């Protein structure tokens, strides 16, 4: 028995109605929970990223670094939170002790609102990752600029000295 085109179309349509639709609501809920978990535990990651441009001095200090604002001072650039704000050549050529672009960036970052009150005290702490070969005058200018931007608690990042066995 031969089917008419209309009957073929009806049979084809009837075959396609047996497929199930996926309910993605539960899957979206799982991914939402996963994202919140990853965001809330993201502070457990290493605080100070290793940089190839900076060779940190060695120290025997055993205290772990706190999560703070990071200023990276290499031989050629000054970087705040991964963004270059000034070049060392321009800073060393300037007669003023305050590095204007760095102070402007620190002022902007200091105005960020703190979500938890217990984190308000750590909002004014800063870590300087300075290359071990930078001149003291440059380091002094960075420290003066941090102090003028009301970052009173200044720490220096160092590399853990390997103990000789």
C-alpha atoms as a PDB file:
ATOM      1  CA  UNK A   1       0.000   0.000   0.000  1.00  0.00           C
ATOM      2  CA  UNK A   2       1.388   3.272  -1.129  1.00  0.00           C
ATOM      3  CA  UNK A   3       1.104   6.373   1.123  1.00  0.00           C
ATOM      4  CA  UNK A   4       0.130   9.737  -0.196  1.00  0.00           C
ATOM      5  CA  UNK A   5       2.479  12.650   0.414  1.00  0.00           C
ATOM      6  CA  UNK A   6       0.111  13.967   3.074  1.00  0.00           C
ATOM      7  CA  UNK A   7       0.132  10.608   4.880  1.00  0.00           C
ATOM      8  CA  UNK A   8       3.953  10.430   4.651  1.00  0.00           C
ATOM      9  CA  UNK A   9       4.222  13.850   6.224  1.00  0.00           C
ATOM     10  CA  UNK A  10       1.833  12.874   9.032  1.00  0.00           C
ATOM     11  CA  UNK A  11       3.797   9.663   9.710  1.00  0.00           C
ATOM     12  CA  UNK A  12       7.080  11.579   9.783  1.00  0.00           C
ATOM     13  CA  UNK A  13       5.627  14.165  12.167  1.00  0.00           C
ATOM     14  CA  UNK A  14       4.292  11.411  14.444  1.00  0.00           C
ATOM     15  CA  UNK A  15       7.762   9.838  14.615  1.00  0.00           C
ATOM     16  CA  UNK A  16       9.353  13.125  15.699  1.00  0.00           C
ATOM     17  CA  UNK A  17       6.943  13.703  18.578  1.00  0.00           C
ATOM     18  CA  UNK A  18       8.357  10.722  20.453  1.00  0.00           C
ATOM     19  CA  UNK A  19      11.653  12.523  21.191  1.00  0.00           C
ATOM     20  CA  UNK A  20      12.111  13.888  24.698  1.00  0.00           C
ATOM     21  CA  UNK A  21      12.907  17.505  25.486  1.00  0.00           C
ATOM     22  CA  UNK A  22      15.753  18.124  27.911  1.00  0.00           C
ATOM     23  CA  UNK A  23      15.032  20.086  31.059  1.00  0.00           C
ATOM     24  CA  UNK A  24      18.075  22.290  31.548  1.00  0.00           C
ATOM     25  CA  UNK A  25      16.933  23.931  34.792  1.00  0.00           C
ATOM     26  CA  UNK A  26      18.676  21.399  37.015  1.00  0.00           C
ATOM     27  CA  UNK A  27      21.872  21.639  34.965  1.00  0.00           C
ATOM     28  CA  UNK A  28      21.887  25.434  35.204  1.00  0.00           C
ATOM     29  CA  UNK A  29      21.412  25.172  38.983  1.00  0.00           C
ATOM     30  CA  UNK A  30      24.405  22.878  39.297  1.00  0.00           C
ATOM     31  CA  UNK A  31      26.609  25.194  37.251  1.00  0.00           C
ATOM     32  CA  UNK A  32      25.463  28.219  39.283  1.00  0.00           C
ATOM     33  CA  UNK A  33      26.415  26.481  42.516  1.00  0.00           C
ATOM     34  CA  UNK A  34      29.751  25.475  40.992  1.00  0.00           C
ATOM     35  CA  UNK A  35      30.502  29.078  39.962  1.00  0.00           C
ATOM     36  CA  UNK A  36      29.677  30.414  43.447  1.00  0.00           C
ATOM     37  CA  UNK A  37      31.891  27.743  44.993  1.00  0.00           C
ATOM     38  CA  UNK A  38      34.816  28.620  42.731  1.00  0.00           C
ATOM     39  CA  UNK A  39      34.431  32.350  43.326  1.00  0.00           C
ATOM     40  CA  UNK A  40      34.196  32.010  47.094  1.00  0.00           C
ATOM     41  CA  UNK A  41      37.276  29.782  47.248  1.00  0.00           C
ATOM     42  CA  UNK A  42      39.371  31.752  44.783  1.00  0.00           C
ATOM     43  CA  UNK A  43      41.350  33.406  47.620  1.00  0.00           C
ATOM     44  CA  UNK A  44      42.957  30.043  48.410  1.00  0.00           C
ATOM     45  CA  UNK A  45      45.112  30.417  45.288  1.00  0.00           C
ATOM     46  CA  UNK A  46      48.705  31.681  45.547  1.00  0.00           C
ATOM     47  CA  UNK A  47      48.478  35.385  46.382  1.00  0.00           C
ATOM     48  CA  UNK A  48      51.590  36.665  44.686  1.00  0.00           C
ATOM     49  CA  UNK A  49      51.987  35.408  41.135  1.00  0.00           C
ATOM     50  CA  UNK A  50      55.484  34.558  39.987  1.00  0.00           C
ATOM     51  CA  UNK A  51      56.745  37.049  37.464  1.00  0.00           C
ATOM     52  CA  UNK A  52      59.588  36.515  35.051  1.00  0.00           C
ATOM     53  CA  UNK A  53      60.347  40.245  34.980  1.00  0.00           C
ATOM     54  CA  UNK A  54      61.104  40.424  38.710  1.00  0.00           C
ATOM     55  CA  UNK A  55      63.724  38.488  40.656  1.00  0.00           C
ATOM     56  CA  UNK A  56      62.721  38.712  44.304  1.00  0.00           C
ATOM     57  CA  UNK A  57      65.338  38.904  47.042  1.00  0.00           C
ATOM     58  CA  UNK A  58      65.721  35.855  49.273  1.00  0.00           C
ATOM     59  CA  UNK A  59      64.642  35.731  52.905  1.00  0.00           C
ATOM     60  CA  UNK A  60      64.381  33.256  55.738  1.00  0.00           C
ATOM     61  CA  UNK A  61      61.003  34.626  56.842  1.00  0.00           C
ATOM     62  CA  UNK A  62      58.369  31.955  57.226  1.00  0.00           C
ATOM     63  CA  UNK A  63      55.267  34.129  57.405  1.00  0.00           C
ATOM     64  CA  UNK A  64      52.834  33.556  54.534  1.00  0.00           C
ATOM     65  CA  UNK A  65      51.792  36.633  52.527  1.00  0.00           C
ATOM     66  CA  UNK A  66      48.416  38.233  53.124  1.00  0.00           C
ATOM     67  CA  UNK A  67      46.089  38.943  50.200  1.00  0.00           C
ATOM     68  CA  UNK A  68      46.789  42.617  49.542  1.00  0.00           C
ATOM     69  CA  UNK A  69      47.147  45.097  46.736  1.00  0.00           C
ATOM     70  CA  UNK A  70      50.334  44.249  44.779  1.00  0.00           C
ATOM     71  CA  UNK A  71      52.725  46.801  43.248  1.00  0.00           C
ATOM     72  CA  UNK A  72      55.314  45.139  41.007  1.00  0.00           C
ATOM     73  CA  UNK A  73      58.508  47.106  40.361  1.00  0.00           C
ATOM     74  CA  UNK A  74      60.705  45.628  37.643  1.00  0.00           C
ATOM     75  CA  UNK A  75      63.768  47.072  35.969  1.00  0.00           C
ATOM     76  CA  UNK A  76      61.620  48.832  33.366  1.00  0.00           C
ATOM     77  CA  UNK A  77      58.013  49.179  34.594  1.00  0.00           C
ATOM     78  CA  UNK A  78      55.828  49.795  37.632  1.00  0.00           C
ATOM     79  CA  UNK A  79      52.728  47.596  37.545  1.00  0.00           C
ATOM     80  CA  UNK A  80      49.712  47.748  39.880  1.00  0.00           C
ATOM     81  CA  UNK A  81      47.409  44.718  39.949  1.00  0.00           C
ATOM     82  CA  UNK A  82      48.625  43.627  36.509  1.00  0.00           C
ATOM     83  CA  UNK A  83      48.290  47.062  34.867  1.00  0.00           C
ATOM     84  CA  UNK A  84      51.342  49.134  33.926  1.00  0.00           C
ATOM     85  CA  UNK A  85      51.130  52.633  35.395  1.00  0.00           C
ATOM     86  CA  UNK A  86      54.617  54.082  34.825  1.00  0.00           C
ATOM     87  CA  UNK A  87      58.016  53.362  33.375  1.00  0.00           C
ATOM     88  CA  UNK A  88      61.116  53.349  35.557  1.00  0.00           C
ATOM     89  CA  UNK A  89      62.943  55.726  33.195  1.00  0.00           C
ATOM     90  CA  UNK A  90      60.220  58.386  33.582  1.00  0.00           C
ATOM     91  CA  UNK A  91      60.112  57.940  37.358  1.00  0.00           C
ATOM     92  CA  UNK A  92      63.870  58.224  37.769  1.00  0.00           C
ATOM     93  CA  UNK A  93      63.980  61.296  35.511  1.00  0.00           C
ATOM     94  CA  UNK A  94      61.348  63.109  37.614  1.00  0.00           C
ATOM     95  CA  UNK A  95      62.607  65.235  40.480  1.00  0.00           C
ATOM     96  CA  UNK A  96      59.519  64.725  42.654  1.00  0.00           C
ATOM     97  CA  UNK A  97      59.392  61.870  45.181  1.00  0.00           C
ATOM     98  CA  UNK A  98      55.725  61.155  44.440  1.00  0.00           C
ATOM     99  CA  UNK A  99      55.013  59.110  41.323  1.00  0.00           C
ATOM    100  CA  UNK A 100      51.863  60.812  39.990  1.00  0.00           C
ATOM    101  CA  UNK A 101      50.448  57.938  37.862  1.00  0.00           C
ATOM    102  CA  UNK A 102      51.023  55.461  40.696  1.00  0.00           C
ATOM    103  CA  UNK A 103      49.356  57.744  43.232  1.00  0.00           C
ATOM    104  CA  UNK A 104      46.369  58.239  40.926  1.00  0.00           C
ATOM    105  CA  UNK A 105      45.976  54.471  40.499  1.00  0.00           C
ATOM    106  CA  UNK A 106      46.293  53.857  44.247  1.00  0.00           C
ATOM    107  CA  UNK A 107      43.716  56.567  44.968  1.00  0.00           C
ATOM    108  CA  UNK A 108      41.264  54.890  42.585  1.00  0.00           C
ATOM    109  CA  UNK A 109      41.871  51.470  44.126  1.00  0.00           C
ATOM    110  CA  UNK A 110      41.538  52.888  47.653  1.00  0.00           C
ATOM    111  CA  UNK A 111      38.030  54.112  46.861  1.00  0.00           C
ATOM    112  CA  UNK A 112      36.750  50.593  46.206  1.00  0.00           C
ATOM    113  CA  UNK A 113      34.030  49.645  48.633  1.00  0.00           C
ATOM    114  CA  UNK A 114      34.743  46.857  51.071  1.00  0.00           C
ATOM    115  CA  UNK A 115      32.028  44.202  51.270  1.00  0.00           C
ATOM    116  CA  UNK A 116      32.865  42.919  54.747  1.00  0.00           C
ATOM    117  CA  UNK A 117      33.790  45.169  57.643  1.00  0.00           C
ATOM    118  CA  UNK A 118      36.556  42.834  58.830  1.00  0.00           C
ATOM    119  CA  UNK A 119      38.277  43.369  55.461  1.00  0.00           C
ATOM    120  CA  UNK A 120      38.257  47.159  55.879  1.00  0.00           C
ATOM    121  CA  UNK A 121      41.465  47.066  57.922  1.00  0.00           C
ATOM    122  CA  UNK A 122      43.300  45.131  55.225  1.00  0.00           C
ATOM    123  CA  UNK A 123      42.051  47.548  52.555  1.00  0.00           C
ATOM    124  CA  UNK A 124      44.988  49.887  53.226  1.00  0.00           C
ATOM    125  CA  UNK A 125      47.738  47.265  53.070  1.00  0.00           C
ATOM    126  CA  UNK A 126      50.037  46.954  50.106  1.00  0.00           C
ATOM    127  CA  UNK A 127      52.739  44.519  48.994  1.00  0.00           C
ATOM    128  CA  UNK A 128      55.677  45.720  46.926  1.00  0.00           C
ATOM    129  CA  UNK A 129      57.276  43.114  44.684  1.00  0.00           C
ATOM    130  CA  UNK A 130      60.557  44.799  43.842  1.00  0.00           C
ATOM    131  CA  UNK A 131      63.304  43.313  41.738  1.00  0.00           C
ATOM    132  CA  UNK A 132      66.424  42.750  43.817  1.00  0.00           C
ATOM    133  CA  UNK A 133      68.481  44.888  41.426  1.00  0.00           C
ATOM    134  CA  UNK A 134      66.342  48.068  41.434  1.00  0.00           C
ATOM    135  CA  UNK A 135      67.999  51.169  42.913  1.00  0.00           C
ATOM    136  CA  UNK A 136      67.004  52.239  46.410  1.00  0.00           C
ATOM    137  CA  UNK A 137      65.954  55.669  45.122  1.00  0.00           C
ATOM    138  CA  UNK A 138      63.242  54.050  42.979  1.00  0.00           C
ATOM    139  CA  UNK A 139      62.054  51.913  45.877  1.00  0.00           C
ATOM    140  CA  UNK A 140      61.966  54.995  48.099  1.00  0.00           C
ATOM    141  CA  UNK A 141      59.817  56.866  45.564  1.00  0.00           C
ATOM    142  CA  UNK A 142      57.372  53.933  45.407  1.00  0.00           C
ATOM    143  CA  UNK A 143      57.173  53.805  49.214  1.00  0.00           C
ATOM    144  CA  UNK A 144      56.646  57.581  49.521  1.00  0.00           C
ATOM    145  CA  UNK A 145      53.888  57.413  46.911  1.00  0.00           C
ATOM    146  CA  UNK A 146      52.179  54.561  48.780  1.00  0.00           C
ATOM    147  CA  UNK A 147      52.360  56.546  52.024  1.00  0.00           C
ATOM    148  CA  UNK A 148      50.894  59.659  50.352  1.00  0.00           C
ATOM    149  CA  UNK A 149      48.018  57.523  49.043  1.00  0.00           C
ATOM    150  CA  UNK A 150      47.319  56.503  52.706  1.00  0.00           C
ATOM    151  CA  UNK A 151      48.591  52.941  52.362  1.00  0.00           C
ATOM    152  CA  UNK A 152      50.363  52.746  55.715  1.00  0.00           C
ATOM    153  CA  UNK A 153      50.921  48.986  55.992  1.00  0.00           C
ATOM    154  CA  UNK A 154      53.631  48.232  53.403  1.00  0.00           C
ATOM    155  CA  UNK A 155      55.087  44.733  52.976  1.00  0.00           C
ATOM    156  CA  UNK A 156      57.832  43.497  50.700  1.00  0.00           C
ATOM    157  CA  UNK A 157      57.543  40.260  48.769  1.00  0.00           C
ATOM    158  CA  UNK A 158      60.530  37.967  49.055  1.00  0.00           C
ATOM    159  CA  UNK A 159      61.439  34.502  47.889  1.00  0.00           C
ATOM    160  CA  UNK A 160      61.856  31.781  50.509  1.00  0.00           C
ATOM    161  CA  UNK A 161      65.551  30.998  50.854  1.00  0.00           C
ATOM    162  CA  UNK A 162      66.287  27.329  50.322  1.00  0.00           C
ATOM    163  CA  UNK A 163      67.997  25.911  53.390  1.00  0.00           C
ATOM    164  CA  UNK A 164      71.331  24.224  52.759  1.00  0.00           C
ATOM    165  CA  UNK A 165      71.159  20.585  53.810  1.00  0.00           C
END
